[in-house]
Amino acid sequence: GDAIAIQNAAGNESGIVFTQNGSVDIYFDNSKKVNTTSGGLYVTGITTFSDRINVLSGVSTFADSASLTFGTQGDLSIVHNGSNSIIKDSGTGALWIQSDAFAIQNAAGTESGLVFTENGSVDIYFDNSKKVETTSGGLNVTGITTFSDRINVVSGVSTFQDSAKLTFGTQSDLIVWHNGSHSYIQDTTGTGNLYVDSNNLV
């Protein structure tokens, strides 16, 4: 017929309703949970897939604060709350992101913040300019490195290129450097004296 409904015997509760040139609606306890639309399918409430879901083309859209959850207890969830987008792992274990190459970029995809490459480096950027990269030998930093407290070198050698300066003090009062020909310990801009203290000085 032009409009068909499958109802209970009393005729006061619908299970499926078909409307010509309109939707097919599916109910649970007389509450509509699924209806077809001109664009596809609209589901109200929680949708559980026992195996998988394949989206061949197009876009899957969720309303604000609607969560896409994974795991029996909803351990992993993806949600946009109207202000922020959140990937939350509230279950046991850790959150793993696995990829041969991984980048954190701006929304336009034109500026990188962090880039990981399998069998290669991890690079960290400032305003799309690489400042830190891991190497097979350790860490390479481009530019000035500021430590608010201290730096501890447990073993190995800290190497600085010619004319690279190691500075101390808020105003770079003390400077240690090598210019390729000579080595310098300079206390030229700071106040006070330069002290060298040792029980035995050679």
N, C-alpha and C. Protein backbone atom coordinates (compact mmCIF):
# COMPACT_ATOMS: atom_id res chain seq x y z
N GLY A 1 0.81 -1.19 0.00
CA GLY A 1 0.00 0.00 0.00
C GLY A 1 0.86 1.25 0.00
N ASP A 2 0.23 2.41 -0.09
CA ASP A 2 0.96 3.67 -0.06
C ASP A 2 1.57 3.92 1.31
N ALA A 3 0.96 3.38 2.35
CA ALA A 3 1.50 3.45 3.71
C ALA A 3 1.22 2.12 4.38
N ILE A 4 2.30 1.50 4.87
CA ILE A 4 2.16 0.17 5.47
C ILE A 4 2.79 0.21 6.86
N ALA A 5 2.12 -0.35 7.85
CA ALA A 5 2.66 -0.42 9.21
C ALA A 5 2.50 -1.83 9.72
N ILE A 6 3.57 -2.33 10.38
CA ILE A 6 3.49 -3.58 11.12
C ILE A 6 3.35 -3.20 12.59
N GLN A 7 2.19 -3.61 13.20
CA GLN A 7 1.88 -3.19 14.56
C GLN A 7 1.53 -4.39 15.43
N ASN A 8 1.36 -4.11 16.72
CA ASN A 8 0.88 -5.16 17.62
C ASN A 8 -0.61 -5.41 17.37
N ALA A 9 -1.13 -6.42 18.03
CA ALA A 9 -2.53 -6.81 17.79
C ALA A 9 -3.50 -5.70 18.16
N ALA A 10 -3.15 -4.89 19.17
CA ALA A 10 -4.06 -3.81 19.60
C ALA A 10 -3.98 -2.61 18.67
N GLY A 11 -2.99 -2.56 17.80
CA GLY A 11 -2.86 -1.45 16.86
C GLY A 11 -2.37 -0.18 17.49
N ASN A 12 -1.73 -0.25 18.66
CA ASN A 12 -1.27 0.97 19.33
C ASN A 12 0.27 1.02 19.47
N GLU A 13 0.94 0.07 18.84
CA GLU A 13 2.40 0.06 18.90
C GLU A 13 2.96 -0.39 17.55
N SER A 14 3.84 0.43 16.98
CA SER A 14 4.40 0.13 15.66
C SER A 14 5.76 -0.55 15.79
N GLY A 15 6.02 -1.43 14.83
CA GLY A 15 7.33 -2.07 14.72
C GLY A 15 8.07 -1.55 13.51
N ILE A 16 7.39 -1.53 12.36
CA ILE A 16 7.96 -1.01 11.11
C ILE A 16 6.88 -0.20 10.41
N VAL A 17 7.26 0.98 9.90
CA VAL A 17 6.31 1.81 9.17
C VAL A 17 6.95 2.23 7.85
N PHE A 18 6.23 1.96 6.74
CA PHE A 18 6.68 2.36 5.40
C PHE A 18 5.74 3.44 4.89
N THR A 19 6.34 4.53 4.33
CA THR A 19 5.55 5.60 3.76
C THR A 19 6.00 5.84 2.33
N GLN A 20 5.06 5.80 1.37
CA GLN A 20 5.40 6.03 -0.03
C GLN A 20 6.05 7.41 -0.20
N ASN A 21 7.12 7.45 -0.99
CA ASN A 21 7.88 8.69 -1.24
C ASN A 21 8.49 9.26 0.04
N GLY A 22 8.60 8.40 1.06
CA GLY A 22 9.15 8.85 2.34
C GLY A 22 10.04 7.79 2.94
N SER A 23 10.04 7.71 4.22
CA SER A 23 10.99 6.88 4.95
C SER A 23 10.41 5.52 5.29
N VAL A 24 11.33 4.62 5.68
CA VAL A 24 10.99 3.38 6.36
C VAL A 24 11.50 3.53 7.79
N ASP A 25 10.61 3.40 8.76
CA ASP A 25 10.96 3.61 10.16
C ASP A 25 10.89 2.30 10.92
N ILE A 26 11.89 2.08 11.79
CA ILE A 26 11.94 0.87 12.62
C ILE A 26 11.93 1.30 14.08
N TYR A 27 11.10 0.60 14.89
CA TYR A 27 10.86 1.02 16.27
C TYR A 27 11.33 -0.04 17.27
N PHE A 28 11.61 0.43 18.50
CA PHE A 28 11.79 -0.46 19.64
C PHE A 28 10.85 0.01 20.74
N ASP A 29 9.94 -0.85 21.13
CA ASP A 29 8.96 -0.52 22.16
C ASP A 29 8.25 0.79 21.82
N ASN A 30 7.86 0.90 20.54
CA ASN A 30 7.12 2.03 20.00
C ASN A 30 7.94 3.33 19.97
N SER A 31 9.27 3.23 20.13
CA SER A 31 10.15 4.39 20.05
C SER A 31 11.03 4.24 18.80
N LYS A 32 10.92 5.20 17.90
CA LYS A 32 11.64 5.09 16.62
C LYS A 32 13.15 5.14 16.84
N LYS A 33 13.86 4.14 16.31
CA LYS A 33 15.29 4.06 16.47
C LYS A 33 16.04 4.19 15.13
N VAL A 34 15.39 3.76 14.03
CA VAL A 34 16.05 3.81 12.72
C VAL A 34 15.06 4.33 11.70
N ASN A 35 15.53 5.26 10.86
CA ASN A 35 14.69 5.65 9.72
C ASN A 35 15.58 5.98 8.52
N THR A 36 15.10 5.58 7.35
CA THR A 36 15.82 5.91 6.13
C THR A 36 15.57 7.37 5.79
N THR A 37 16.56 7.99 5.12
CA THR A 37 16.43 9.38 4.69
C THR A 37 16.84 9.47 3.23
N SER A 38 16.66 10.63 2.63
CA SER A 38 17.08 10.81 1.24
C SER A 38 18.59 10.68 1.10
N GLY A 39 19.32 10.90 2.21
CA GLY A 39 20.77 10.79 2.17
C GLY A 39 21.32 9.47 2.64
N GLY A 40 20.47 8.61 3.25
CA GLY A 40 20.97 7.33 3.72
C GLY A 40 20.16 6.80 4.89
N LEU A 41 20.80 6.74 6.07
CA LEU A 41 20.18 6.10 7.24
C LEU A 41 20.43 6.96 8.47
N TYR A 42 19.41 7.11 9.32
CA TYR A 42 19.53 7.87 10.55
C TYR A 42 19.20 6.95 11.72
N VAL A 43 20.13 6.87 12.69
CA VAL A 43 19.97 5.99 13.85
C VAL A 43 19.91 6.84 15.10
N THR A 44 18.94 6.56 15.97
CA THR A 44 18.81 7.24 17.26
C THR A 44 19.26 6.29 18.36
N GLY A 45 20.23 6.73 19.17
CA GLY A 45 20.70 5.89 20.26
C GLY A 45 22.02 5.22 19.93
N ILE A 46 22.35 4.19 20.69
CA ILE A 46 23.63 3.47 20.57
C ILE A 46 23.51 2.39 19.51
N THR A 47 24.48 2.34 18.61
CA THR A 47 24.53 1.31 17.58
C THR A 47 25.69 0.37 17.87
N THR A 48 25.42 -0.91 18.01
CA THR A 48 26.44 -1.91 18.34
C THR A 48 26.65 -2.83 17.15
N PHE A 49 27.93 -2.98 16.73
CA PHE A 49 28.28 -3.89 15.65
C PHE A 49 29.08 -5.05 16.23
N SER A 50 28.58 -6.26 16.03
CA SER A 50 29.26 -7.42 16.60
C SER A 50 30.53 -7.76 15.83
N ASP A 51 30.65 -7.29 14.58
CA ASP A 51 31.82 -7.61 13.77
C ASP A 51 32.49 -6.36 13.26
N ARG A 52 31.94 -5.73 12.22
CA ARG A 52 32.59 -4.56 11.64
C ARG A 52 31.57 -3.73 10.87
N ILE A 53 31.99 -2.51 10.50
CA ILE A 53 31.18 -1.65 9.65
C ILE A 53 32.07 -1.13 8.54
N ASN A 54 31.58 -1.18 7.32
CA ASN A 54 32.32 -0.71 6.16
C ASN A 54 31.62 0.51 5.57
N VAL A 55 32.34 1.62 5.50
CA VAL A 55 31.84 2.81 4.83
C VAL A 55 32.56 2.90 3.50
N LEU A 56 31.86 2.56 2.40
CA LEU A 56 32.51 2.48 1.10
C LEU A 56 32.80 3.86 0.53
N SER A 57 31.90 4.79 0.74
CA SER A 57 32.11 6.16 0.26
C SER A 57 31.22 7.09 1.07
N GLY A 58 31.51 8.38 0.95
CA GLY A 58 30.70 9.34 1.68
C GLY A 58 31.26 9.62 3.06
N VAL A 59 30.44 10.23 3.90
CA VAL A 59 30.86 10.70 5.22
C VAL A 59 29.90 10.16 6.27
N SER A 60 30.46 9.64 7.37
CA SER A 60 29.65 9.25 8.53
C SER A 60 29.63 10.43 9.49
N THR A 61 28.45 10.93 9.81
CA THR A 61 28.31 12.13 10.63
C THR A 61 27.66 11.80 11.96
N PHE A 62 28.26 12.33 13.04
CA PHE A 62 27.71 12.16 14.38
C PHE A 62 27.43 13.55 14.96
N ALA A 63 26.35 13.67 15.70
CA ALA A 63 26.00 14.94 16.32
C ALA A 63 26.98 15.27 17.46
N ASP A 64 27.02 16.53 17.89
CA ASP A 64 27.86 16.92 19.02
C ASP A 64 27.57 16.05 20.23
N SER A 65 28.66 15.62 20.90
CA SER A 65 28.60 14.81 22.12
C SER A 65 28.19 13.37 21.88
N ALA A 66 27.94 12.98 20.61
CA ALA A 66 27.71 11.58 20.30
C ALA A 66 29.06 10.89 20.19
N SER A 67 29.21 9.74 20.87
CA SER A 67 30.50 9.05 20.96
C SER A 67 30.53 7.83 20.06
N LEU A 68 31.68 7.62 19.42
CA LEU A 68 31.97 6.38 18.73
C LEU A 68 32.88 5.59 19.67
N THR A 69 32.38 4.46 20.19
CA THR A 69 33.10 3.73 21.23
C THR A 69 33.54 2.36 20.75
N PHE A 70 34.65 1.89 21.33
CA PHE A 70 35.22 0.59 21.01
C PHE A 70 35.53 -0.15 22.31
N GLY A 71 35.39 -1.47 22.30
CA GLY A 71 35.63 -2.27 23.49
C GLY A 71 34.34 -2.58 24.21
N THR A 72 34.34 -3.70 24.93
CA THR A 72 33.13 -4.14 25.62
C THR A 72 32.62 -3.10 26.61
N GLN A 73 33.53 -2.44 27.30
CA GLN A 73 33.15 -1.44 28.29
C GLN A 73 33.27 -0.01 27.75
N GLY A 74 33.31 0.13 26.41
CA GLY A 74 33.49 1.45 25.83
C GLY A 74 34.84 2.05 26.19
N ASP A 75 35.88 1.20 26.18
CA ASP A 75 37.20 1.62 26.66
C ASP A 75 37.79 2.76 25.84
N LEU A 76 37.59 2.72 24.54
CA LEU A 76 38.11 3.78 23.66
C LEU A 76 36.93 4.53 23.05
N SER A 77 36.99 5.86 23.14
CA SER A 77 35.90 6.66 22.58
C SER A 77 36.45 7.83 21.79
N ILE A 78 35.71 8.19 20.75
CA ILE A 78 36.01 9.37 19.94
C ILE A 78 34.76 10.23 19.95
N VAL A 79 34.93 11.50 20.34
CA VAL A 79 33.75 12.36 20.49
C VAL A 79 34.14 13.81 20.22
N HIS A 80 33.19 14.57 19.72
CA HIS A 80 33.31 16.03 19.64
C HIS A 80 32.20 16.62 20.49
N ASN A 81 32.58 17.39 21.51
CA ASN A 81 31.59 17.86 22.48
C ASN A 81 31.00 19.22 22.13
N GLY A 82 31.24 19.68 20.91
CA GLY A 82 30.74 20.99 20.50
C GLY A 82 31.82 22.05 20.58
N SER A 83 32.83 21.80 21.40
CA SER A 83 33.95 22.74 21.53
C SER A 83 35.28 22.10 21.19
N ASN A 84 35.48 20.87 21.63
CA ASN A 84 36.75 20.17 21.43
C ASN A 84 36.51 18.76 20.93
N SER A 85 37.52 18.22 20.23
CA SER A 85 37.51 16.83 19.78
C SER A 85 38.38 16.01 20.71
N ILE A 86 37.89 14.85 21.14
CA ILE A 86 38.56 14.08 22.18
C ILE A 86 38.68 12.62 21.75
N ILE A 87 39.91 12.08 21.82
CA ILE A 87 40.15 10.64 21.71
C ILE A 87 40.52 10.18 23.12
N LYS A 88 39.69 9.35 23.73
CA LYS A 88 39.85 9.00 25.14
C LYS A 88 40.00 7.50 25.31
N ASP A 89 41.06 7.09 26.00
CA ASP A 89 41.28 5.69 26.34
C ASP A 89 41.11 5.55 27.84
N SER A 90 39.94 5.09 28.26
CA SER A 90 39.63 4.99 29.69
C SER A 90 39.72 3.56 30.19
N GLY A 91 40.12 2.62 29.33
CA GLY A 91 40.20 1.22 29.72
C GLY A 91 41.57 0.86 30.27
N THR A 92 41.80 -0.43 30.44
CA THR A 92 43.10 -0.90 30.89
C THR A 92 44.10 -0.85 29.74
N GLY A 93 45.38 -0.89 30.07
CA GLY A 93 46.40 -0.86 29.03
C GLY A 93 46.68 0.56 28.54
N ALA A 94 47.39 0.64 27.43
CA ALA A 94 47.84 1.92 26.90
C ALA A 94 47.16 2.22 25.57
N LEU A 95 47.27 3.46 25.15
CA LEU A 95 46.77 3.89 23.84
C LEU A 95 47.95 3.85 22.87
N TRP A 96 47.87 2.99 21.85
CA TRP A 96 48.93 2.84 20.86
C TRP A 96 48.48 3.45 19.54
N ILE A 97 49.34 4.26 18.94
CA ILE A 97 49.12 4.76 17.59
C ILE A 97 50.21 4.13 16.72
N GLN A 98 49.83 3.27 15.80
CA GLN A 98 50.80 2.51 15.02
C GLN A 98 50.74 2.89 13.55
N SER A 99 51.89 3.27 13.01
CA SER A 99 51.97 3.67 11.60
C SER A 99 53.44 3.66 11.17
N ASP A 100 53.69 3.37 9.89
CA ASP A 100 55.06 3.43 9.37
C ASP A 100 55.56 4.87 9.32
N ALA A 101 54.66 5.81 9.15
CA ALA A 101 55.00 7.24 9.17
C ALA A 101 53.83 7.97 9.82
N PHE A 102 54.13 8.85 10.75
CA PHE A 102 53.09 9.51 11.53
C PHE A 102 53.42 10.99 11.67
N ALA A 103 52.43 11.85 11.45
CA ALA A 103 52.63 13.30 11.56
C ALA A 103 51.47 13.94 12.30
N ILE A 104 51.77 14.89 13.17
CA ILE A 104 50.77 15.75 13.79
C ILE A 104 50.87 17.09 13.09
N GLN A 105 49.78 17.49 12.44
CA GLN A 105 49.79 18.70 11.62
C GLN A 105 48.63 19.62 11.99
N ASN A 106 48.63 20.82 11.40
CA ASN A 106 47.50 21.73 11.57
C ASN A 106 46.31 21.22 10.75
N ALA A 107 45.16 21.83 10.95
CA ALA A 107 43.94 21.36 10.30
C ALA A 107 44.04 21.40 8.78
N ALA A 108 44.79 22.37 8.25
CA ALA A 108 44.92 22.50 6.80
C ALA A 108 45.92 21.51 6.21
N GLY A 109 46.70 20.85 7.07
CA GLY A 109 47.69 19.89 6.60
C GLY A 109 48.91 20.55 5.97
N THR A 110 49.16 21.81 6.30
CA THR A 110 50.27 22.55 5.70
C THR A 110 51.40 22.82 6.68
N GLU A 111 51.22 22.48 7.96
CA GLU A 111 52.25 22.76 8.96
C GLU A 111 52.37 21.60 9.92
N SER A 112 53.60 21.10 10.09
CA SER A 112 53.85 19.95 10.95
C SER A 112 54.27 20.40 12.34
N GLY A 113 53.86 19.64 13.34
CA GLY A 113 54.30 19.86 14.71
C GLY A 113 55.25 18.77 15.15
N LEU A 114 54.92 17.52 14.79
CA LEU A 114 55.75 16.36 15.12
C LEU A 114 55.65 15.36 13.99
N VAL A 115 56.79 14.78 13.60
CA VAL A 115 56.83 13.79 12.52
C VAL A 115 57.66 12.60 12.97
N PHE A 116 57.09 11.40 12.87
CA PHE A 116 57.80 10.16 13.16
C PHE A 116 57.95 9.36 11.87
N THR A 117 59.15 8.84 11.62
CA THR A 117 59.41 8.03 10.44
C THR A 117 60.01 6.69 10.88
N GLU A 118 59.43 5.59 10.43
CA GLU A 118 59.95 4.28 10.77
C GLU A 118 61.40 4.14 10.32
N ASN A 119 62.23 3.55 11.19
CA ASN A 119 63.66 3.37 10.93
C ASN A 119 64.38 4.70 10.71
N GLY A 120 63.77 5.78 11.17
CA GLY A 120 64.37 7.11 11.00
C GLY A 120 64.17 7.95 12.24
N SER A 121 64.02 9.22 12.04
CA SER A 121 64.01 10.18 13.13
C SER A 121 62.61 10.51 13.62
N VAL A 122 62.57 11.14 14.80
CA VAL A 122 61.39 11.83 15.29
C VAL A 122 61.74 13.31 15.28
N ASP A 123 60.97 14.11 14.56
CA ASP A 123 61.27 15.52 14.38
C ASP A 123 60.20 16.37 15.06
N ILE A 124 60.64 17.43 15.74
CA ILE A 124 59.74 18.36 16.42
C ILE A 124 59.95 19.74 15.84
N TYR A 125 58.84 20.44 15.56
CA TYR A 125 58.89 21.71 14.83
C TYR A 125 58.37 22.87 15.69
N PHE A 126 58.81 24.07 15.31
CA PHE A 126 58.22 25.31 15.81
C PHE A 126 57.85 26.14 14.60
N ASP A 127 56.56 26.43 14.44
CA ASP A 127 56.08 27.22 13.30
C ASP A 127 56.58 26.61 11.99
N ASN A 128 56.48 25.28 11.90
CA ASN A 128 56.86 24.50 10.70
C ASN A 128 58.36 24.52 10.41
N SER A 129 59.16 24.95 11.38
CA SER A 129 60.62 24.94 11.25
C SER A 129 61.18 23.91 12.22
N LYS A 130 61.90 22.91 11.69
CA LYS A 130 62.39 21.81 12.53
C LYS A 130 63.43 22.31 13.52
N LYS A 131 63.19 22.00 14.82
CA LYS A 131 64.09 22.44 15.87
C LYS A 131 64.78 21.29 16.57
N VAL A 132 64.13 20.12 16.64
CA VAL A 132 64.69 18.97 17.33
C VAL A 132 64.50 17.73 16.47
N GLU A 133 65.56 16.92 16.36
CA GLU A 133 65.43 15.63 15.66
C GLU A 133 66.31 14.60 16.34
N THR A 134 65.78 13.38 16.48
CA THR A 134 66.59 12.30 16.99
C THR A 134 67.48 11.78 15.87
N THR A 135 68.67 11.31 16.24
CA THR A 135 69.61 10.75 15.27
C THR A 135 70.09 9.40 15.78
N SER A 136 70.83 8.68 14.96
CA SER A 136 71.39 7.40 15.40
C SER A 136 72.35 7.58 16.57
N GLY A 137 72.91 8.79 16.70
CA GLY A 137 73.85 9.05 17.78
C GLY A 137 73.25 9.74 18.98
N GLY A 138 72.01 10.25 18.87
CA GLY A 138 71.38 10.93 20.01
C GLY A 138 70.36 11.95 19.59
N LEU A 139 70.67 13.24 19.80
CA LEU A 139 69.70 14.31 19.59
C LEU A 139 70.39 15.49 18.94
N ASN A 140 69.73 16.07 17.95
CA ASN A 140 70.25 17.25 17.26
C ASN A 140 69.26 18.39 17.46
N VAL A 141 69.73 19.50 18.05
CA VAL A 141 68.88 20.65 18.33
C VAL A 141 69.36 21.82 17.49
N THR A 142 68.43 22.48 16.80
CA THR A 142 68.74 23.67 16.01
C THR A 142 68.25 24.91 16.76
N GLY A 143 69.16 25.85 17.01
CA GLY A 143 68.78 27.07 17.70
C GLY A 143 69.22 27.06 19.15
N ILE A 144 68.66 27.95 19.94
CA ILE A 144 69.03 28.12 21.35
C ILE A 144 68.21 27.17 22.21
N THR A 145 68.89 26.44 23.11
CA THR A 145 68.23 25.53 24.04
C THR A 145 68.31 26.13 25.43
N THR A 146 67.16 26.32 26.07
CA THR A 146 67.08 26.94 27.38
C THR A 146 66.61 25.91 28.40
N PHE A 147 67.35 25.76 29.50
CA PHE A 147 66.98 24.86 30.58
C PHE A 147 66.58 25.70 31.78
N SER A 148 65.35 25.52 32.26
CA SER A 148 64.87 26.33 33.38
C SER A 148 65.51 25.88 34.69
N ASP A 149 66.02 24.65 34.74
CA ASP A 149 66.60 24.15 35.99
C ASP A 149 68.03 23.67 35.77
N ARG A 150 68.21 22.49 35.19
CA ARG A 150 69.54 21.94 35.02
C ARG A 150 69.55 20.91 33.91
N ILE A 151 70.74 20.52 33.50
CA ILE A 151 70.92 19.44 32.54
C ILE A 151 71.94 18.48 33.10
N ASN A 152 71.62 17.19 33.07
CA ASN A 152 72.52 16.16 33.58
C ASN A 152 72.99 15.28 32.43
N VAL A 153 74.29 15.20 32.23
CA VAL A 153 74.88 14.30 31.25
C VAL A 153 75.44 13.12 32.02
N VAL A 154 74.77 11.96 31.95
CA VAL A 154 75.14 10.80 32.76
C VAL A 154 76.41 10.16 32.22
N SER A 155 76.49 10.02 30.92
CA SER A 155 77.67 9.44 30.29
C SER A 155 77.78 9.97 28.88
N GLY A 156 78.95 9.79 28.27
CA GLY A 156 79.13 10.24 26.91
C GLY A 156 79.67 11.66 26.85
N VAL A 157 79.61 12.26 25.68
CA VAL A 157 80.19 13.57 25.43
C VAL A 157 79.13 14.49 24.85
N SER A 158 79.04 15.71 25.38
CA SER A 158 78.19 16.74 24.79
C SER A 158 79.04 17.56 23.83
N THR A 159 78.68 17.58 22.57
CA THR A 159 79.49 18.22 21.54
C THR A 159 78.80 19.46 21.00
N PHE A 160 79.56 20.55 20.87
CA PHE A 160 79.07 21.80 20.30
C PHE A 160 79.95 22.15 19.10
N GLN A 161 79.36 22.65 18.04
CA GLN A 161 80.12 23.05 16.87
C GLN A 161 80.95 24.30 17.16
N ASP A 162 81.93 24.55 16.29
CA ASP A 162 82.74 25.77 16.42
C ASP A 162 81.85 27.00 16.47
N SER A 163 82.18 27.89 17.37
CA SER A 163 81.49 29.17 17.58
C SER A 163 80.11 29.02 18.22
N ALA A 164 79.70 27.77 18.54
CA ALA A 164 78.48 27.58 19.32
C ALA A 164 78.81 27.85 20.78
N LYS A 165 77.97 28.61 21.47
CA LYS A 165 78.29 29.08 22.81
C LYS A 165 77.39 28.42 23.86
N LEU A 166 78.02 28.06 24.98
CA LEU A 166 77.30 27.58 26.15
C LEU A 166 77.23 28.76 27.12
N THR A 167 76.02 29.24 27.39
CA THR A 167 75.87 30.46 28.18
C THR A 167 75.17 30.18 29.50
N PHE A 168 75.50 30.97 30.52
CA PHE A 168 74.92 30.85 31.85
C PHE A 168 74.47 32.23 32.31
N GLY A 169 73.40 32.27 33.10
CA GLY A 169 72.89 33.53 33.61
C GLY A 169 71.78 34.07 32.74
N THR A 170 70.89 34.83 33.37
CA THR A 170 69.73 35.38 32.67
C THR A 170 70.14 36.24 31.48
N GLN A 171 71.24 37.00 31.66
CA GLN A 171 71.72 37.88 30.59
C GLN A 171 72.92 37.27 29.86
N SER A 172 73.04 35.94 29.90
CA SER A 172 74.19 35.25 29.30
C SER A 172 75.49 35.83 29.86
N ASP A 173 75.54 35.94 31.20
CA ASP A 173 76.67 36.60 31.86
C ASP A 173 77.98 35.84 31.65
N LEU A 174 77.92 34.51 31.66
CA LEU A 174 79.11 33.68 31.50
C LEU A 174 78.98 32.88 30.20
N ILE A 175 80.05 32.90 29.40
CA ILE A 175 80.02 32.23 28.10
C ILE A 175 81.24 31.33 27.97
N VAL A 176 81.00 30.09 27.52
CA VAL A 176 82.09 29.15 27.21
C VAL A 176 81.94 28.76 25.75
N TRP A 177 83.04 28.90 24.96
CA TRP A 177 82.93 28.58 23.55
C TRP A 177 84.30 28.38 22.92
N HIS A 178 84.28 27.80 21.71
CA HIS A 178 85.49 27.60 20.91
C HIS A 178 85.19 28.09 19.49
N ASN A 179 86.05 28.97 18.98
CA ASN A 179 85.77 29.61 17.70
C ASN A 179 86.44 28.93 16.51
N GLY A 180 87.01 27.74 16.75
CA GLY A 180 87.70 27.02 15.68
C GLY A 180 89.20 27.14 15.80
N SER A 181 89.66 28.17 16.50
CA SER A 181 91.10 28.38 16.71
C SER A 181 91.45 28.45 18.20
N HIS A 182 90.59 29.10 18.98
CA HIS A 182 90.87 29.31 20.40
C HIS A 182 89.63 28.98 21.24
N SER A 183 89.89 28.65 22.51
CA SER A 183 88.82 28.37 23.46
C SER A 183 88.70 29.52 24.44
N TYR A 184 87.45 29.87 24.83
CA TYR A 184 87.21 31.04 25.65
C TYR A 184 86.28 30.70 26.82
N ILE A 185 86.62 31.26 27.99
CA ILE A 185 85.70 31.35 29.12
C ILE A 185 85.55 32.83 29.38
N GLN A 186 84.39 33.38 29.08
CA GLN A 186 84.20 34.83 29.12
C GLN A 186 83.17 35.23 30.16
N ASP A 187 83.58 36.15 31.03
CA ASP A 187 82.64 36.80 31.94
C ASP A 187 82.75 38.29 31.68
N THR A 188 82.08 38.73 30.63
CA THR A 188 82.25 40.11 30.17
C THR A 188 81.00 40.96 30.34
N THR A 189 79.83 40.33 30.39
CA THR A 189 78.59 41.10 30.47
C THR A 189 77.97 41.07 31.86
N GLY A 190 78.39 40.15 32.70
CA GLY A 190 77.76 40.02 34.00
C GLY A 190 78.41 40.90 35.04
N THR A 191 77.74 41.04 36.16
CA THR A 191 78.29 41.76 37.31
C THR A 191 79.13 40.81 38.15
N GLY A 192 79.96 41.36 39.00
CA GLY A 192 80.75 40.53 39.90
C GLY A 192 82.00 40.00 39.25
N ASN A 193 82.62 39.01 39.92
CA ASN A 193 83.91 38.46 39.51
C ASN A 193 83.75 37.07 38.90
N LEU A 194 84.83 36.60 38.27
CA LEU A 194 84.90 35.23 37.77
C LEU A 194 85.76 34.42 38.72
N TYR A 195 85.17 33.40 39.36
CA TYR A 195 85.89 32.58 40.31
C TYR A 195 86.11 31.18 39.71
N VAL A 196 87.31 30.65 39.91
CA VAL A 196 87.60 29.26 39.59
C VAL A 196 88.02 28.60 40.88
N ASP A 197 87.22 27.69 41.42
CA ASP A 197 87.47 27.06 42.72
C ASP A 197 87.81 25.58 42.54
N SER A 198 88.87 25.14 43.17
CA SER A 198 89.27 23.74 43.10
C SER A 198 90.28 23.45 44.20
N ASN A 199 90.26 22.22 44.74
CA ASN A 199 91.29 21.81 45.71
C ASN A 199 92.65 21.69 45.00
N ASN A 200 92.61 21.22 43.75
CA ASN A 200 93.82 21.11 42.95
C ASN A 200 93.51 21.61 41.55
N LEU A 201 94.21 22.61 41.09
CA LEU A 201 93.96 23.20 39.77
C LEU A 201 95.19 23.00 38.90
N VAL A 202 95.00 22.36 37.73
CA VAL A 202 96.10 22.12 36.79
C VAL A 202 95.78 22.87 35.50
